[in-house]
Amino acid sequence: MIILNKAMFLGLLKTISYLLLFYYGFKFLARLFAPFLIKKATETIKKKAAQQFGGQERQRQENAVKEGETIIDKNPGSTQESKKSFGDYVDFEEID
């Protein structure tokens, strides 16, 4: 009985020591690599933002109106009928 309790206590102590070792190891590695990972992520975000802005800028330059040129945009009138007529209205009366 005493040997079994001692073995359980040593197993518990071993498990706690592994958990603490893992926790402090992860904490150390996070402090070591976090600046690099954050820098890499910000560079990636900057590149994506620059690509999106550059694409919009190119579209503006391509669609730019030359001096003296006139462009008229017309929207066609709404020729579609309203689809609000679902059926006939039936007036109900109360029966006592």
Protein backbone atom coordinates (compact mmCIF):
# COMPACT_ATOMS: atom_id res chain seq x y z
CA MET A 1 0.00 0.00 0.00
CA ILE A 2 2.77 2.41 0.93
CA ILE A 3 4.73 1.53 -2.22
CA LEU A 4 1.66 2.16 -4.38
CA ASN A 5 1.12 5.61 -2.83
CA LYS A 6 4.79 6.46 -3.31
CA ALA A 7 4.60 5.44 -6.99
CA MET A 8 1.46 7.56 -7.49
CA PHE A 9 3.14 10.52 -5.84
CA LEU A 10 6.24 10.16 -8.04
CA GLY A 11 4.07 9.88 -11.16
CA LEU A 12 2.15 13.00 -10.20
CA LEU A 13 5.40 14.85 -9.53
CA LYS A 14 6.78 13.71 -12.89
CA THR A 15 3.64 14.87 -14.72
CA ILE A 16 3.70 18.27 -13.03
CA SER A 17 7.39 18.70 -13.88
CA TYR A 18 6.71 17.85 -17.57
CA LEU A 19 3.87 20.38 -17.68
CA LEU A 20 6.05 23.10 -16.15
CA LEU A 21 8.91 22.27 -18.51
CA PHE A 22 6.59 22.44 -21.51
CA TYR A 23 5.04 25.73 -20.30
CA TYR A 24 8.34 27.52 -19.72
CA GLY A 25 9.86 26.07 -22.91
CA PHE A 26 6.93 27.32 -24.97
CA LYS A 27 7.10 30.71 -23.26
CA PHE A 28 10.84 31.00 -24.03
CA LEU A 29 10.41 29.98 -27.67
CA ALA A 30 7.48 32.37 -28.12
CA ARG A 31 9.58 35.29 -26.88
CA LEU A 32 12.41 34.19 -29.14
CA PHE A 33 10.40 33.80 -32.36
CA ALA A 34 7.47 36.22 -31.87
CA PRO A 35 9.27 39.33 -33.22
CA PHE A 36 10.28 37.47 -36.38
CA LEU A 37 6.77 36.11 -36.95
CA ILE A 38 5.13 39.49 -36.37
CA LYS A 39 7.58 41.20 -38.74
CA LYS A 40 6.90 38.59 -41.43
CA ALA A 41 3.11 38.96 -41.01
CA THR A 42 3.25 42.76 -41.28
CA GLU A 43 5.38 42.53 -44.43
CA THR A 44 2.85 40.15 -46.00
CA ILE A 45 -0.05 42.46 -45.14
CA LYS A 46 1.83 45.46 -46.56
CA LYS A 47 2.48 43.61 -49.82
CA LYS A 48 -1.18 42.63 -50.19
CA ALA A 49 -2.34 46.18 -49.48
CA ALA A 50 0.16 47.58 -52.00
CA GLN A 51 -1.03 45.12 -54.65
CA GLN A 52 -4.68 46.05 -54.09
CA PHE A 53 -3.95 49.78 -54.15
CA GLY A 54 -1.70 49.42 -57.20
CA GLY A 55 -4.44 47.53 -59.05
CA GLN A 56 -6.96 50.26 -58.34
CA GLU A 57 -4.51 52.95 -59.42
CA ARG A 58 -3.88 51.19 -62.76
CA GLN A 59 -7.63 50.90 -63.39
CA ARG A 60 -8.04 54.62 -62.79
CA GLN A 61 -5.25 55.41 -65.24
CA GLU A 62 -6.74 53.12 -67.88
CA ASN A 63 -10.23 54.59 -67.46
CA ALA A 64 -9.01 58.17 -67.36
CA VAL A 65 -10.73 60.47 -69.83
CA LYS A 66 -8.43 62.20 -72.26
CA GLU A 67 -8.58 65.96 -72.46
CA GLY A 68 -11.37 67.13 -74.75
CA GLU A 69 -13.14 63.75 -74.79
CA THR A 70 -16.74 63.54 -73.61
CA ILE A 71 -18.29 60.37 -72.22
CA ILE A 72 -22.01 60.04 -71.59
CA ASP A 73 -23.24 57.14 -69.51
CA LYS A 74 -26.91 56.32 -69.82
CA ASN A 75 -28.81 53.99 -67.58
CA PRO A 76 -31.72 52.39 -69.43
CA GLY A 77 -35.16 53.09 -67.96
CA SER A 78 -36.76 50.44 -65.84
CA THR A 79 -38.90 48.45 -68.27
CA GLN A 80 -39.62 45.59 -65.91
CA GLU A 81 -43.04 45.47 -64.30
CA SER A 82 -43.35 45.29 -60.60
CA LYS A 83 -43.69 41.78 -59.26
CA LYS A 84 -45.87 42.86 -56.37
CA SER A 85 -49.09 41.37 -57.73
CA PHE A 86 -49.16 37.98 -56.05
CA GLY A 87 -52.84 37.22 -56.58
CA ASP A 88 -56.37 38.37 -55.90
CA TYR A 89 -57.34 40.00 -52.64
CA VAL A 90 -60.22 38.27 -50.86
CA ASP A 91 -62.19 40.30 -48.33
CA PHE A 92 -63.36 38.11 -45.44
CA GLU A 93 -66.33 38.85 -43.24
CA GLU A 94 -66.77 37.65 -39.71
CA ILE A 95 -69.56 35.14 -39.09
CA ASP A 96 -71.17 35.14 -35.68
